[in-house]
Amino acid sequence: MKADCRLYLVTPPALEPAAFAVDLAAALDAGDVACVQLRLKDVDDDTVRRAIDVLRPIAQSREVAFILNDHPRLARETGCDGVHVGQADTPYREARKIMGAESIVGVTCHDSRHLAMVAGEDGADYVAFGAFFPTGTKETEHRATPDLLTWWQEMMEIPCVAIGGITPENCGDLVRAGADFLAVVSSIWHHPEGPGAAVRAFNKAIAEA
């Protein structure tokens, strides 16, 4: 099983860009992070644009991919590296058409092998499975198990992302099962010692697993 699992940071569902920029920089400067997904819910496009303008350069200047949740046109217009679409968002093929071949397009597949196979065959750059653990970030009706990650690794070359309630304490099983990326929200931004300490704790846990 390969051990090159990396962190995939997802922003809190609401944030003030200038203040959050400090936390984001602290997290990215603390250790290895593969990408950052901007995930703002129930806000208008201008609010999303303002956040992208502040946060995208912080990620890209550190060679961390900057991915927007659910808005392929906006992602394309604002120079994001990619877009992440859920099952209820823009369909993958439409998102790919908007983003172009060079951009990252990832797809939420919940706990479904079928959805993952469809996304993989359509050409998604990664599939995301979850939730693996209880999470307070969003309502989850899908519960995935680590054997899903192992099955995917045995079947497909496309990377998989594990999401949902992941902490430095519980991530080992997911790393060993074959997650290429761990997508984390609360356990980074709500860490008692700050996001930098959280990134260090995750990278240590990944290395030990």
N, C-alpha and C. Protein backbone atom coordinates (compact mmCIF):
# COMPACT_ATOMS: atom_id res chain seq x y z
N MET A 1 0.86 -1.20 0.00
CA MET A 1 0.00 0.00 0.00
C MET A 1 0.89 1.24 0.00
N LYS A 2 0.58 2.19 -0.84
CA LYS A 2 1.48 3.33 -0.90
C LYS A 2 1.24 4.28 0.26
N ALA A 3 2.32 4.93 0.68
CA ALA A 3 2.23 5.76 1.88
C ALA A 3 2.29 7.25 1.57
N ASP A 4 2.03 7.61 0.31
CA ASP A 4 2.16 9.04 -0.02
C ASP A 4 0.83 9.76 0.12
N CYS A 5 0.20 9.58 1.27
CA CYS A 5 -1.05 10.27 1.56
C CYS A 5 -0.74 11.72 1.95
N ARG A 6 -1.57 12.65 1.47
CA ARG A 6 -1.31 14.07 1.74
C ARG A 6 -2.58 14.77 2.23
N LEU A 7 -2.39 15.92 2.81
CA LEU A 7 -3.50 16.70 3.35
C LEU A 7 -4.20 17.52 2.27
N TYR A 8 -5.52 17.60 2.41
CA TYR A 8 -6.38 18.38 1.50
C TYR A 8 -7.23 19.24 2.43
N LEU A 9 -6.90 20.51 2.54
CA LEU A 9 -7.61 21.38 3.48
C LEU A 9 -8.87 21.96 2.85
N VAL A 10 -9.95 21.94 3.60
CA VAL A 10 -11.21 22.53 3.16
C VAL A 10 -11.53 23.68 4.11
N THR A 11 -11.88 24.83 3.55
CA THR A 11 -12.12 25.99 4.41
C THR A 11 -13.41 25.83 5.22
N PRO A 12 -13.54 26.57 6.31
CA PRO A 12 -14.81 26.57 7.05
C PRO A 12 -15.93 27.09 6.14
N PRO A 13 -17.21 26.70 6.43
CA PRO A 13 -18.32 27.10 5.56
C PRO A 13 -18.59 28.60 5.57
N ALA A 14 -18.06 29.33 6.54
CA ALA A 14 -18.17 30.80 6.55
C ALA A 14 -16.85 31.36 7.04
N LEU A 15 -16.40 32.44 6.42
CA LEU A 15 -15.12 33.02 6.84
C LEU A 15 -15.05 34.48 6.42
N GLU A 16 -14.17 35.22 7.08
CA GLU A 16 -13.87 36.60 6.69
C GLU A 16 -12.49 36.53 6.04
N PRO A 17 -12.37 36.83 4.73
CA PRO A 17 -11.14 36.50 4.01
C PRO A 17 -9.85 37.03 4.63
N ALA A 18 -9.82 38.29 5.04
CA ALA A 18 -8.56 38.86 5.55
C ALA A 18 -8.12 38.15 6.82
N ALA A 19 -9.06 37.90 7.72
CA ALA A 19 -8.72 37.22 8.97
C ALA A 19 -8.33 35.77 8.70
N PHE A 20 -9.07 35.11 7.82
CA PHE A 20 -8.79 33.70 7.53
C PHE A 20 -7.46 33.53 6.81
N ALA A 21 -7.06 34.54 6.05
CA ALA A 21 -5.78 34.48 5.33
C ALA A 21 -4.62 34.18 6.27
N VAL A 22 -4.67 34.74 7.47
CA VAL A 22 -3.60 34.52 8.45
C VAL A 22 -3.55 33.05 8.85
N ASP A 23 -4.73 32.47 9.11
CA ASP A 23 -4.81 31.05 9.48
C ASP A 23 -4.35 30.16 8.35
N LEU A 24 -4.76 30.51 7.12
CA LEU A 24 -4.40 29.69 5.97
C LEU A 24 -2.88 29.68 5.77
N ALA A 25 -2.28 30.85 5.85
CA ALA A 25 -0.82 30.93 5.68
C ALA A 25 -0.11 30.12 6.77
N ALA A 26 -0.62 30.22 8.00
CA ALA A 26 -0.01 29.46 9.11
C ALA A 26 -0.09 27.97 8.86
N ALA A 27 -1.24 27.52 8.35
CA ALA A 27 -1.42 26.09 8.07
C ALA A 27 -0.47 25.63 6.96
N LEU A 28 -0.41 26.40 5.88
CA LEU A 28 0.39 25.98 4.72
C LEU A 28 1.89 26.05 5.01
N ASP A 29 2.28 26.95 5.91
CA ASP A 29 3.71 27.07 6.23
C ASP A 29 4.17 26.03 7.24
N ALA A 30 3.22 25.26 7.79
CA ALA A 30 3.57 24.33 8.88
C ALA A 30 3.99 22.95 8.38
N GLY A 31 3.71 22.64 7.11
CA GLY A 31 4.05 21.31 6.63
C GLY A 31 3.39 21.02 5.30
N ASP A 32 3.48 19.77 4.88
CA ASP A 32 3.01 19.39 3.56
C ASP A 32 1.48 19.46 3.45
N VAL A 33 1.01 20.22 2.48
CA VAL A 33 -0.43 20.28 2.14
C VAL A 33 -0.52 20.23 0.62
N ALA A 34 -1.39 19.36 0.09
CA ALA A 34 -1.50 19.21 -1.36
C ALA A 34 -2.41 20.28 -1.97
N CYS A 35 -3.55 20.51 -1.33
CA CYS A 35 -4.48 21.49 -1.91
C CYS A 35 -5.40 22.09 -0.86
N VAL A 36 -6.01 23.20 -1.27
CA VAL A 36 -6.97 23.91 -0.43
C VAL A 36 -8.25 24.06 -1.25
N GLN A 37 -9.36 23.68 -0.65
CA GLN A 37 -10.66 23.87 -1.31
C GLN A 37 -11.41 24.99 -0.59
N LEU A 38 -11.81 26.00 -1.37
CA LEU A 38 -12.65 27.07 -0.83
C LEU A 38 -14.10 26.60 -0.93
N ARG A 39 -14.72 26.44 0.25
CA ARG A 39 -16.08 25.92 0.28
C ARG A 39 -16.95 26.87 1.10
N LEU A 40 -17.58 27.82 0.41
CA LEU A 40 -18.47 28.77 1.07
C LEU A 40 -19.90 28.46 0.69
N LYS A 41 -20.75 28.35 1.68
CA LYS A 41 -22.14 27.98 1.40
C LYS A 41 -23.07 29.17 1.59
N ASP A 42 -24.11 29.22 0.74
CA ASP A 42 -25.17 30.23 0.87
C ASP A 42 -24.65 31.66 0.82
N VAL A 43 -23.71 31.92 -0.08
CA VAL A 43 -23.23 33.30 -0.28
C VAL A 43 -23.30 33.61 -1.78
N ASP A 44 -23.27 34.92 -2.09
CA ASP A 44 -23.35 35.28 -3.52
C ASP A 44 -21.98 35.19 -4.18
N ASP A 45 -21.99 35.27 -5.51
CA ASP A 45 -20.75 35.10 -6.27
C ASP A 45 -19.69 36.13 -5.91
N ASP A 46 -20.13 37.38 -5.63
CA ASP A 46 -19.15 38.42 -5.31
C ASP A 46 -18.41 38.11 -4.01
N THR A 47 -19.13 37.53 -3.06
CA THR A 47 -18.49 37.13 -1.80
C THR A 47 -17.44 36.06 -2.06
N VAL A 48 -17.81 35.10 -2.91
CA VAL A 48 -16.86 34.04 -3.27
C VAL A 48 -15.65 34.63 -3.99
N ARG A 49 -15.91 35.55 -4.93
CA ARG A 49 -14.81 36.19 -5.67
C ARG A 49 -13.84 36.91 -4.75
N ARG A 50 -14.39 37.64 -3.79
CA ARG A 50 -13.53 38.38 -2.85
C ARG A 50 -12.65 37.41 -2.07
N ALA A 51 -13.24 36.30 -1.64
CA ALA A 51 -12.47 35.31 -0.89
C ALA A 51 -11.37 34.70 -1.76
N ILE A 52 -11.71 34.40 -3.02
CA ILE A 52 -10.71 33.83 -3.94
C ILE A 52 -9.55 34.81 -4.13
N ASP A 53 -9.87 36.09 -4.32
CA ASP A 53 -8.83 37.09 -4.57
C ASP A 53 -7.82 37.16 -3.43
N VAL A 54 -8.31 36.98 -2.21
CA VAL A 54 -7.43 37.04 -1.04
C VAL A 54 -6.68 35.72 -0.82
N LEU A 55 -7.39 34.61 -0.97
CA LEU A 55 -6.84 33.31 -0.54
C LEU A 55 -6.08 32.55 -1.62
N ARG A 56 -6.50 32.70 -2.87
CA ARG A 56 -5.85 31.93 -3.94
C ARG A 56 -4.34 32.20 -4.02
N PRO A 57 -3.90 33.49 -3.96
CA PRO A 57 -2.46 33.73 -4.05
C PRO A 57 -1.67 33.10 -2.90
N ILE A 58 -2.30 33.00 -1.73
CA ILE A 58 -1.60 32.41 -0.58
C ILE A 58 -1.28 30.95 -0.86
N ALA A 59 -2.25 30.24 -1.44
CA ALA A 59 -2.03 28.83 -1.77
C ALA A 59 -1.09 28.69 -2.94
N GLN A 60 -1.37 29.39 -4.03
CA GLN A 60 -0.59 29.19 -5.26
C GLN A 60 0.86 29.63 -5.12
N SER A 61 1.12 30.65 -4.31
CA SER A 61 2.51 31.08 -4.12
C SER A 61 3.33 30.02 -3.38
N ARG A 62 2.62 29.10 -2.69
CA ARG A 62 3.30 28.00 -1.98
C ARG A 62 3.19 26.69 -2.76
N GLU A 63 2.78 26.79 -4.02
CA GLU A 63 2.62 25.62 -4.89
C GLU A 63 1.60 24.62 -4.32
N VAL A 64 0.57 25.17 -3.71
CA VAL A 64 -0.56 24.37 -3.23
C VAL A 64 -1.73 24.64 -4.16
N ALA A 65 -2.36 23.58 -4.68
CA ALA A 65 -3.47 23.77 -5.62
C ALA A 65 -4.66 24.42 -4.91
N PHE A 66 -5.31 25.35 -5.60
CA PHE A 66 -6.46 26.06 -5.03
C PHE A 66 -7.71 25.65 -5.81
N ILE A 67 -8.63 25.00 -5.11
CA ILE A 67 -9.81 24.41 -5.74
C ILE A 67 -11.07 25.08 -5.18
N LEU A 68 -12.00 25.37 -6.06
CA LEU A 68 -13.26 25.99 -5.64
C LEU A 68 -14.34 24.93 -5.60
N ASN A 69 -15.18 24.99 -4.58
CA ASN A 69 -16.30 24.06 -4.49
C ASN A 69 -17.45 24.55 -5.37
N ASP A 70 -17.88 23.68 -6.30
CA ASP A 70 -19.21 23.83 -6.90
C ASP A 70 -19.45 24.97 -7.90
N HIS A 71 -18.46 25.78 -8.27
CA HIS A 71 -18.72 26.89 -9.22
C HIS A 71 -17.71 26.86 -10.35
N PRO A 72 -17.86 25.95 -11.33
CA PRO A 72 -16.83 25.85 -12.37
C PRO A 72 -16.59 27.15 -13.14
N ARG A 73 -17.67 27.88 -13.47
CA ARG A 73 -17.46 29.12 -14.25
C ARG A 73 -16.65 30.13 -13.45
N LEU A 74 -17.00 30.27 -12.19
CA LEU A 74 -16.29 31.20 -11.30
C LEU A 74 -14.84 30.74 -11.11
N ALA A 75 -14.64 29.44 -10.96
CA ALA A 75 -13.29 28.91 -10.79
C ALA A 75 -12.43 29.25 -12.00
N ARG A 76 -13.02 29.08 -13.16
CA ARG A 76 -12.30 29.35 -14.42
C ARG A 76 -11.97 30.84 -14.53
N GLU A 77 -12.98 31.69 -14.24
CA GLU A 77 -12.79 33.15 -14.38
C GLU A 77 -11.74 33.69 -13.43
N THR A 78 -11.62 33.09 -12.26
CA THR A 78 -10.79 33.68 -11.21
C THR A 78 -9.42 33.00 -11.07
N GLY A 79 -9.10 32.09 -12.00
CA GLY A 79 -7.76 31.51 -11.98
C GLY A 79 -7.53 30.42 -10.95
N CYS A 80 -8.61 29.77 -10.50
CA CYS A 80 -8.43 28.64 -9.58
C CYS A 80 -7.81 27.45 -10.34
N ASP A 81 -7.17 26.56 -9.60
CA ASP A 81 -6.54 25.40 -10.23
C ASP A 81 -7.54 24.30 -10.57
N GLY A 82 -8.72 24.37 -9.95
CA GLY A 82 -9.69 23.32 -10.22
C GLY A 82 -11.00 23.59 -9.52
N VAL A 83 -11.90 22.61 -9.66
CA VAL A 83 -13.23 22.72 -9.06
C VAL A 83 -13.61 21.35 -8.49
N HIS A 84 -14.38 21.39 -7.41
CA HIS A 84 -14.90 20.14 -6.82
C HIS A 84 -16.41 20.16 -6.94
N VAL A 85 -16.99 19.12 -7.51
CA VAL A 85 -18.45 19.08 -7.67
C VAL A 85 -19.06 17.93 -6.88
N GLY A 86 -20.20 18.22 -6.25
CA GLY A 86 -20.96 17.20 -5.55
C GLY A 86 -21.97 16.57 -6.49
N GLN A 87 -22.68 15.56 -5.99
CA GLN A 87 -23.65 14.88 -6.83
C GLN A 87 -24.85 15.78 -7.17
N ALA A 88 -25.09 16.80 -6.34
CA ALA A 88 -26.21 17.70 -6.60
C ALA A 88 -25.77 19.00 -7.28
N ASP A 89 -24.46 19.10 -7.58
CA ASP A 89 -23.92 20.32 -8.19
C ASP A 89 -23.88 20.17 -9.71
N THR A 90 -23.08 21.01 -10.35
CA THR A 90 -22.86 20.90 -11.80
C THR A 90 -22.37 19.49 -12.13
N PRO A 91 -22.96 18.81 -13.12
CA PRO A 91 -22.48 17.47 -13.46
C PRO A 91 -21.01 17.50 -13.91
N TYR A 92 -20.31 16.40 -13.66
CA TYR A 92 -18.88 16.34 -13.96
C TYR A 92 -18.57 16.77 -15.39
N ARG A 93 -19.29 16.22 -16.37
CA ARG A 93 -18.93 16.48 -17.77
C ARG A 93 -19.06 17.96 -18.12
N GLU A 94 -20.08 18.59 -17.55
CA GLU A 94 -20.26 20.02 -17.80
C GLU A 94 -19.14 20.81 -17.13
N ALA A 95 -18.79 20.42 -15.90
CA ALA A 95 -17.70 21.10 -15.18
C ALA A 95 -16.39 20.95 -15.95
N ARG A 96 -16.14 19.77 -16.49
CA ARG A 96 -14.90 19.55 -17.26
C ARG A 96 -14.88 20.42 -18.50
N LYS A 97 -16.03 20.53 -19.17
CA LYS A 97 -16.11 21.33 -20.39
C LYS A 97 -15.77 22.79 -20.08
N ILE A 98 -16.28 23.29 -18.96
CA ILE A 98 -16.04 24.68 -18.56
C ILE A 98 -14.59 24.88 -18.15
N MET A 99 -14.06 23.93 -17.37
CA MET A 99 -12.72 24.10 -16.78
C MET A 99 -11.60 23.82 -17.77
N GLY A 100 -11.83 22.92 -18.72
CA GLY A 100 -10.77 22.55 -19.65
C GLY A 100 -9.96 21.37 -19.14
N ALA A 101 -9.16 20.82 -20.04
CA ALA A 101 -8.45 19.57 -19.75
C ALA A 101 -7.35 19.74 -18.70
N GLU A 102 -6.79 20.96 -18.59
CA GLU A 102 -5.62 21.14 -17.71
C GLU A 102 -6.02 21.29 -16.24
N SER A 103 -7.26 21.62 -15.97
CA SER A 103 -7.68 21.91 -14.60
C SER A 103 -8.05 20.63 -13.85
N ILE A 104 -8.03 20.73 -12.54
CA ILE A 104 -8.44 19.62 -11.67
C ILE A 104 -9.96 19.64 -11.54
N VAL A 105 -10.59 18.50 -11.75
CA VAL A 105 -12.03 18.38 -11.45
C VAL A 105 -12.21 17.12 -10.59
N GLY A 106 -12.67 17.33 -9.36
CA GLY A 106 -12.92 16.22 -8.44
C GLY A 106 -14.40 16.06 -8.18
N VAL A 107 -14.79 14.85 -7.80
CA VAL A 107 -16.22 14.53 -7.66
C VAL A 107 -16.50 13.84 -6.33
N THR A 108 -17.53 14.31 -5.63
CA THR A 108 -18.02 13.64 -4.42
C THR A 108 -18.75 12.36 -4.81
N CYS A 109 -18.37 11.24 -4.18
CA CYS A 109 -19.03 9.96 -4.49
C CYS A 109 -19.65 9.31 -3.25
N HIS A 110 -19.66 10.02 -2.11
CA HIS A 110 -20.26 9.52 -0.87
C HIS A 110 -19.68 8.14 -0.51
N ASP A 111 -20.56 7.14 -0.39
CA ASP A 111 -20.08 5.78 -0.07
C ASP A 111 -20.39 4.84 -1.23
N SER A 112 -20.51 5.42 -2.45
CA SER A 112 -21.02 4.65 -3.58
C SER A 112 -19.92 4.20 -4.53
N ARG A 113 -19.79 2.89 -4.68
CA ARG A 113 -18.84 2.35 -5.65
C ARG A 113 -19.28 2.70 -7.07
N HIS A 114 -20.58 2.67 -7.28
CA HIS A 114 -21.11 2.96 -8.62
C HIS A 114 -20.78 4.40 -9.04
N LEU A 115 -21.07 5.37 -8.17
CA LEU A 115 -20.80 6.77 -8.50
C LEU A 115 -19.31 6.98 -8.76
N ALA A 116 -18.48 6.29 -7.97
CA ALA A 116 -17.03 6.44 -8.14
C ALA A 116 -16.57 5.87 -9.48
N MET A 117 -17.11 4.72 -9.85
CA MET A 117 -16.74 4.12 -11.13
C MET A 117 -17.15 5.03 -12.30
N VAL A 118 -18.35 5.60 -12.21
CA VAL A 118 -18.82 6.50 -13.26
C VAL A 118 -17.89 7.72 -13.36
N ALA A 119 -17.58 8.33 -12.21
CA ALA A 119 -16.70 9.51 -12.20
C ALA A 119 -15.32 9.16 -12.76
N GLY A 120 -14.81 8.00 -12.35
CA GLY A 120 -13.49 7.58 -12.81
C GLY A 120 -13.48 7.36 -14.32
N GLU A 121 -14.50 6.69 -14.81
CA GLU A 121 -14.56 6.41 -16.25
C GLU A 121 -14.79 7.69 -17.06
N ASP A 122 -15.46 8.67 -16.46
CA ASP A 122 -15.68 9.94 -17.16
C ASP A 122 -14.41 10.80 -17.20
N GLY A 123 -13.43 10.48 -16.34
CA GLY A 123 -12.17 11.20 -16.37
C GLY A 123 -11.90 12.13 -15.20
N ALA A 124 -12.64 11.96 -14.09
CA ALA A 124 -12.39 12.80 -12.91
C ALA A 124 -10.94 12.68 -12.46
N ASP A 125 -10.39 13.77 -11.92
CA ASP A 125 -9.01 13.75 -11.43
C ASP A 125 -8.89 13.09 -10.07
N TYR A 126 -9.97 13.11 -9.31
CA TYR A 126 -10.02 12.34 -8.06
C TYR A 126 -11.48 12.11 -7.70
N VAL A 127 -11.71 11.11 -6.85
CA VAL A 127 -13.04 10.88 -6.29
C VAL A 127 -12.93 11.03 -4.78
N ALA A 128 -13.99 11.55 -4.17
CA ALA A 128 -14.00 11.77 -2.72
C ALA A 128 -15.05 10.87 -2.08
N PHE A 129 -14.62 10.13 -1.07
CA PHE A 129 -15.51 9.24 -0.32
C PHE A 129 -15.71 9.76 1.10
N GLY A 130 -16.90 9.57 1.65
CA GLY A 130 -17.16 9.95 3.03
C GLY A 130 -18.66 10.04 3.29
N ALA A 131 -19.04 10.29 4.52
CA ALA A 131 -18.16 10.62 5.64
C ALA A 131 -17.69 9.34 6.33
N PHE A 132 -16.41 9.37 6.77
CA PHE A 132 -15.86 8.21 7.45
C PHE A 132 -16.15 8.22 8.95
N PHE A 133 -16.28 9.42 9.50
CA PHE A 133 -16.55 9.56 10.94
C PHE A 133 -17.64 10.63 11.10
N PRO A 134 -18.28 10.66 12.26
CA PRO A 134 -19.27 11.72 12.49
C PRO A 134 -18.62 13.10 12.32
N THR A 135 -19.33 14.02 11.71
CA THR A 135 -18.77 15.36 11.49
C THR A 135 -19.83 16.41 11.77
N GLY A 136 -19.39 17.53 12.33
CA GLY A 136 -20.31 18.63 12.60
C GLY A 136 -20.34 19.65 11.48
N THR A 137 -19.50 19.45 10.44
CA THR A 137 -19.38 20.45 9.39
C THR A 137 -20.60 20.49 8.49
N LYS A 138 -21.15 19.31 8.18
CA LYS A 138 -22.35 19.29 7.34
C LYS A 138 -23.16 18.05 7.67
N GLU A 139 -24.43 18.09 7.31
CA GLU A 139 -25.29 16.92 7.52
C GLU A 139 -24.81 15.78 6.62
N THR A 140 -24.59 14.61 7.17
CA THR A 140 -24.14 13.50 6.33
C THR A 140 -25.13 12.35 6.46
N GLU A 141 -25.61 11.88 5.30
CA GLU A 141 -26.47 10.70 5.36
C GLU A 141 -25.70 9.47 4.87
N HIS A 142 -24.46 9.70 4.41
CA HIS A 142 -23.65 8.60 3.86
C HIS A 142 -22.51 8.29 4.82
N ARG A 143 -22.31 7.01 5.09
CA ARG A 143 -21.19 6.62 5.95
C ARG A 143 -20.33 5.62 5.20
N ALA A 144 -19.08 6.01 4.97
CA ALA A 144 -18.15 5.16 4.22
C ALA A 144 -17.26 4.40 5.20
N THR A 145 -16.71 3.28 4.75
CA THR A 145 -15.81 2.46 5.58
C THR A 145 -14.46 2.33 4.87
N PRO A 146 -13.38 2.10 5.63
CA PRO A 146 -12.04 2.07 5.02
C PRO A 146 -11.89 1.05 3.89
N ASP A 147 -12.66 -0.04 3.91
CA ASP A 147 -12.50 -1.04 2.84
C ASP A 147 -12.87 -0.47 1.46
N LEU A 148 -13.66 0.59 1.45
CA LEU A 148 -13.99 1.26 0.19
C LEU A 148 -12.72 1.84 -0.46
N LEU A 149 -11.85 2.39 0.37
CA LEU A 149 -10.59 2.97 -0.13
C LEU A 149 -9.69 1.87 -0.70
N THR A 150 -9.64 0.76 0.01
CA THR A 150 -8.80 -0.37 -0.44
C THR A 150 -9.32 -0.91 -1.77
N TRP A 151 -10.63 -1.08 -1.85
CA TRP A 151 -11.26 -1.56 -3.09
C TRP A 151 -10.90 -0.62 -4.26
N TRP A 152 -11.02 0.68 -4.01
CA TRP A 152 -10.74 1.65 -5.07
C TRP A 152 -9.28 1.54 -5.53
N GLN A 153 -8.37 1.47 -4.57
CA GLN A 153 -6.95 1.40 -4.93
C GLN A 153 -6.64 0.16 -5.77
N GLU A 154 -7.33 -0.94 -5.47
CA GLU A 154 -7.08 -2.17 -6.21
C GLU A 154 -7.65 -2.09 -7.63
N MET A 155 -8.71 -1.27 -7.79
CA MET A 155 -9.41 -1.18 -9.08
C MET A 155 -8.84 -0.10 -10.00
N MET A 156 -8.53 1.06 -9.43
CA MET A 156 -8.32 2.27 -10.23
C MET A 156 -7.00 2.97 -9.89
N GLU A 157 -6.50 3.70 -10.88
CA GLU A 157 -5.28 4.51 -10.69
C GLU A 157 -5.61 5.91 -10.17
N ILE A 158 -6.87 6.32 -10.35
CA ILE A 158 -7.26 7.70 -10.00
C ILE A 158 -7.21 7.87 -8.47
N PRO A 159 -6.65 8.98 -7.99
CA PRO A 159 -6.56 9.18 -6.54
C PRO A 159 -7.93 9.26 -5.86
N CYS A 160 -7.95 8.88 -4.58
CA CYS A 160 -9.18 9.02 -3.79
C CYS A 160 -8.91 9.88 -2.56
N VAL A 161 -9.94 10.62 -2.21
CA VAL A 161 -9.92 11.52 -1.07
C VAL A 161 -10.87 10.98 -0.01
N ALA A 162 -10.43 10.94 1.23
CA ALA A 162 -11.31 10.57 2.35
C ALA A 162 -11.70 11.84 3.08
N ILE A 163 -12.99 11.95 3.43
CA ILE A 163 -13.47 13.16 4.12
C ILE A 163 -14.49 12.76 5.19
N GLY A 164 -14.60 13.61 6.19
CA GLY A 164 -15.67 13.43 7.18
C GLY A 164 -15.17 13.09 8.57
N GLY A 165 -15.02 14.10 9.41
CA GLY A 165 -14.69 13.86 10.82
C GLY A 165 -13.29 13.32 11.06
N ILE A 166 -12.38 13.56 10.12
CA ILE A 166 -11.03 12.98 10.22
C ILE A 166 -10.16 13.83 11.15
N THR A 167 -9.45 13.16 12.06
CA THR A 167 -8.55 13.83 13.01
C THR A 167 -7.18 13.14 12.96
N PRO A 168 -6.15 13.76 13.55
CA PRO A 168 -4.85 13.09 13.61
C PRO A 168 -4.95 11.75 14.36
N GLU A 169 -5.89 11.65 15.29
CA GLU A 169 -6.02 10.43 16.10
C GLU A 169 -6.67 9.29 15.33
N ASN A 170 -7.59 9.59 14.41
CA ASN A 170 -8.32 8.50 13.75
C ASN A 170 -7.93 8.28 12.29
N CYS A 171 -6.97 9.04 11.78
CA CYS A 171 -6.69 8.98 10.34
C CYS A 171 -5.86 7.78 9.92
N GLY A 172 -5.20 7.12 10.86
CA GLY A 172 -4.28 6.04 10.52
C GLY A 172 -4.91 4.93 9.70
N ASP A 173 -6.12 4.52 10.09
CA ASP A 173 -6.80 3.44 9.36
C ASP A 173 -7.07 3.83 7.91
N LEU A 174 -7.38 5.10 7.68
CA LEU A 174 -7.68 5.56 6.32
C LEU A 174 -6.42 5.60 5.47
N VAL A 175 -5.32 6.03 6.08
CA VAL A 175 -4.03 6.05 5.37
C VAL A 175 -3.64 4.62 4.99
N ARG A 176 -3.75 3.72 5.95
CA ARG A 176 -3.37 2.32 5.69
C ARG A 176 -4.30 1.66 4.67
N ALA A 177 -5.56 2.09 4.66
CA ALA A 177 -6.53 1.50 3.72
C ALA A 177 -6.30 1.97 2.29
N GLY A 178 -5.59 3.11 2.13
CA GLY A 178 -5.27 3.54 0.78
C GLY A 178 -5.71 4.94 0.38
N ALA A 179 -6.12 5.78 1.35
CA ALA A 179 -6.48 7.16 0.98
C ALA A 179 -5.27 7.88 0.42
N ASP A 180 -5.45 8.56 -0.72
CA ASP A 180 -4.38 9.39 -1.28
C ASP A 180 -4.35 10.76 -0.63
N PHE A 181 -5.53 11.22 -0.23
CA PHE A 181 -5.66 12.53 0.41
C PHE A 181 -6.63 12.44 1.57
N LEU A 182 -6.36 13.20 2.62
CA LEU A 182 -7.30 13.34 3.74
C LEU A 182 -7.85 14.76 3.69
N ALA A 183 -9.15 14.89 3.46
CA ALA A 183 -9.79 16.21 3.43
C ALA A 183 -10.26 16.55 4.84
N VAL A 184 -9.79 17.68 5.34
CA VAL A 184 -10.09 18.02 6.74
C VAL A 184 -10.55 19.48 6.85
N VAL A 185 -11.49 19.67 7.77
CA VAL A 185 -12.05 21.01 7.99
C VAL A 185 -11.84 21.38 9.47
N SER A 186 -12.76 20.92 10.32
CA SER A 186 -12.78 21.35 11.73
C SER A 186 -11.49 21.04 12.47
N SER A 187 -10.91 19.85 12.22
CA SER A 187 -9.75 19.47 13.02
C SER A 187 -8.52 20.29 12.67
N ILE A 188 -8.57 21.05 11.57
CA ILE A 188 -7.50 22.01 11.28
C ILE A 188 -7.82 23.37 11.89
N TRP A 189 -8.99 23.91 11.54
CA TRP A 189 -9.28 25.31 11.89
C TRP A 189 -9.70 25.47 13.35
N HIS A 190 -10.16 24.39 13.99
CA HIS A 190 -10.58 24.49 15.39
C HIS A 190 -9.56 23.86 16.34
N HIS A 191 -8.37 23.57 15.84
CA HIS A 191 -7.36 22.95 16.71
C HIS A 191 -6.99 23.92 17.83
N PRO A 192 -6.94 23.43 19.09
CA PRO A 192 -6.69 24.34 20.21
C PRO A 192 -5.38 25.11 20.11
N GLU A 193 -4.39 24.53 19.42
CA GLU A 193 -3.09 25.24 19.30
C GLU A 193 -2.93 25.92 17.95
N GLY A 194 -4.01 25.97 17.17
CA GLY A 194 -3.95 26.67 15.89
C GLY A 194 -3.73 25.74 14.72
N PRO A 195 -4.00 26.26 13.51
CA PRO A 195 -3.94 25.42 12.31
C PRO A 195 -2.55 24.88 11.99
N GLY A 196 -1.51 25.64 12.33
CA GLY A 196 -0.16 25.14 12.08
C GLY A 196 0.12 23.87 12.88
N ALA A 197 -0.25 23.89 14.14
CA ALA A 197 -0.07 22.71 14.99
C ALA A 197 -0.88 21.53 14.46
N ALA A 198 -2.07 21.82 13.93
CA ALA A 198 -2.92 20.76 13.39
C ALA A 198 -2.27 20.11 12.17
N VAL A 199 -1.72 20.92 11.27
CA VAL A 199 -1.05 20.37 10.08
C VAL A 199 0.14 19.50 10.50
N ARG A 200 0.91 19.97 11.47
CA ARG A 200 2.05 19.17 11.94
C ARG A 200 1.59 17.84 12.53
N ALA A 201 0.50 17.89 13.31
CA ALA A 201 -0.02 16.66 13.93
C ALA A 201 -0.50 15.69 12.87
N PHE A 202 -1.18 16.18 11.86
CA PHE A 202 -1.65 15.32 10.77
C PHE A 202 -0.48 14.69 10.01
N ASN A 203 0.50 15.52 9.65
CA ASN A 203 1.62 14.98 8.88
C ASN A 203 2.40 13.94 9.67
N LYS A 204 2.49 14.13 10.98
CA LYS A 204 3.15 13.15 11.84
C LYS A 204 2.33 11.84 11.85
N ALA A 205 1.01 11.98 11.99
CA ALA A 205 0.14 10.80 12.03
C ALA A 205 0.18 10.03 10.69
N ILE A 206 0.20 10.77 9.59
CA ILE A 206 0.27 10.14 8.26
C ILE A 206 1.58 9.37 8.12
N ALA A 207 2.67 10.01 8.53
CA ALA A 207 3.98 9.36 8.41
C ALA A 207 4.05 8.10 9.25
N GLU A 208 3.46 8.15 10.45
CA GLU A 208 3.50 6.99 11.35
C GLU A 208 2.61 5.85 10.84
N ALA A 209 1.55 6.21 10.12
CA ALA A 209 0.63 5.18 9.60
C ALA A 209 1.26 4.45 8.41
